[in-house]
Amino acid sequence: MANFLFVLSKDDNEAATRCFQFAKIAHSKDHNVNVFLIDGGVMWADKERNMDIKSPTGDCPNDYLPYLVEKEVPIGV
């Protein structure tokens, strides 16, 4: 088992989608995962934010973030 720390520092839909996707993949493979939101990335902590905006690949942050919340993956702001 490895330890992963994912840091999101941009208020960018594509960056958030990938960050949450990679965190979900690592956690689902039984690795220890932490996510930190810093700088512009703290905007993703807003519960009112639209998480359904699609990235160019067709997925969105809401495809991955609910898993992280449900599994209680630590997300620091």
Protein backbone atom coordinates (compact mmCIF):
# COMPACT_ATOMS: atom_id res chain seq x y z
CA MET A 1 0.00 0.00 0.00
CA ALA A 2 1.32 3.43 -0.96
CA ASN A 3 0.53 6.91 0.34
CA PHE A 4 -0.78 9.51 -2.11
CA LEU A 5 -1.23 13.23 -1.64
CA PHE A 6 -3.14 15.07 -4.36
CA VAL A 7 -2.90 18.87 -4.34
CA LEU A 8 -5.33 20.98 -6.34
CA SER A 9 -4.12 24.57 -6.64
CA LYS A 10 -6.19 25.88 -9.55
CA ASP A 11 -9.80 26.93 -9.97
CA ASP A 12 -9.93 24.90 -13.16
CA ASN A 13 -12.55 22.32 -14.09
CA GLU A 14 -10.14 20.00 -15.92
CA ALA A 15 -7.58 20.09 -13.12
CA ALA A 16 -10.26 19.35 -10.50
CA THR A 17 -11.69 16.50 -12.55
CA ARG A 18 -8.27 14.84 -12.89
CA CYS A 19 -7.34 15.43 -9.26
CA PHE A 20 -10.53 13.81 -7.98
CA GLN A 21 -10.32 11.04 -10.58
CA PHE A 22 -6.76 10.08 -9.66
CA ALA A 23 -7.59 10.24 -5.94
CA LYS A 24 -10.55 7.92 -6.49
CA ILE A 25 -8.47 5.45 -8.51
CA ALA A 26 -5.70 5.35 -5.91
CA HIS A 27 -8.18 4.92 -3.04
CA SER A 28 -10.12 2.20 -4.85
CA LYS A 29 -6.82 0.27 -5.13
CA ASP A 30 -6.55 0.41 -1.31
CA HIS A 31 -3.87 3.11 -1.14
CA ASN A 32 -3.90 5.82 1.53
CA VAL A 33 -5.10 9.03 -0.09
CA ASN A 34 -5.27 12.65 1.03
CA VAL A 35 -6.44 15.62 -1.03
CA PHE A 36 -5.48 19.23 -0.32
CA LEU A 37 -7.11 22.28 -1.87
CA ILE A 38 -4.79 25.29 -1.92
CA ASP A 39 -4.68 28.69 -3.62
CA GLY A 40 -7.37 28.80 -6.35
CA GLY A 41 -8.25 25.17 -5.62
CA VAL A 42 -10.09 26.17 -2.44
CA MET A 43 -12.96 27.30 -4.67
CA TRP A 44 -13.82 23.61 -5.08
CA ALA A 45 -14.76 23.41 -1.38
CA ASP A 46 -17.91 25.47 -2.06
CA LYS A 47 -20.90 23.12 -1.73
CA GLU A 48 -22.93 25.41 -3.99
CA ARG A 49 -20.45 25.07 -6.86
CA ASN A 50 -21.60 23.40 -10.07
CA MET A 51 -19.63 20.13 -10.18
CA ASP A 52 -21.37 18.89 -13.32
CA ILE A 53 -19.48 20.95 -15.92
CA LYS A 54 -17.95 18.49 -18.36
CA SER A 55 -14.26 18.44 -19.19
CA PRO A 56 -13.13 17.90 -22.80
CA THR A 57 -13.03 14.15 -22.11
CA GLY A 58 -16.71 14.14 -21.10
CA ASP A 59 -16.33 13.55 -17.38
CA CYS A 60 -16.73 16.05 -14.57
CA PRO A 61 -15.70 16.51 -10.91
CA ASN A 62 -19.05 15.14 -9.77
CA ASP A 63 -18.18 11.79 -11.37
CA TYR A 64 -15.47 11.29 -8.71
CA LEU A 65 -15.92 13.63 -5.73
CA PRO A 66 -18.98 11.87 -4.24
CA TYR A 67 -16.93 8.66 -3.96
CA LEU A 68 -14.21 10.51 -2.03
CA VAL A 69 -16.77 12.05 0.32
CA GLU A 70 -18.61 8.74 0.82
CA LYS A 71 -15.35 6.89 1.61
CA GLU A 72 -14.29 9.74 3.94
CA VAL A 73 -11.06 10.43 2.08
CA PRO A 74 -9.49 13.39 3.93
CA ILE A 75 -9.83 16.63 1.97
CA GLY A 76 -7.99 19.55 3.54
CA VAL A 77 -8.53 23.20 2.74
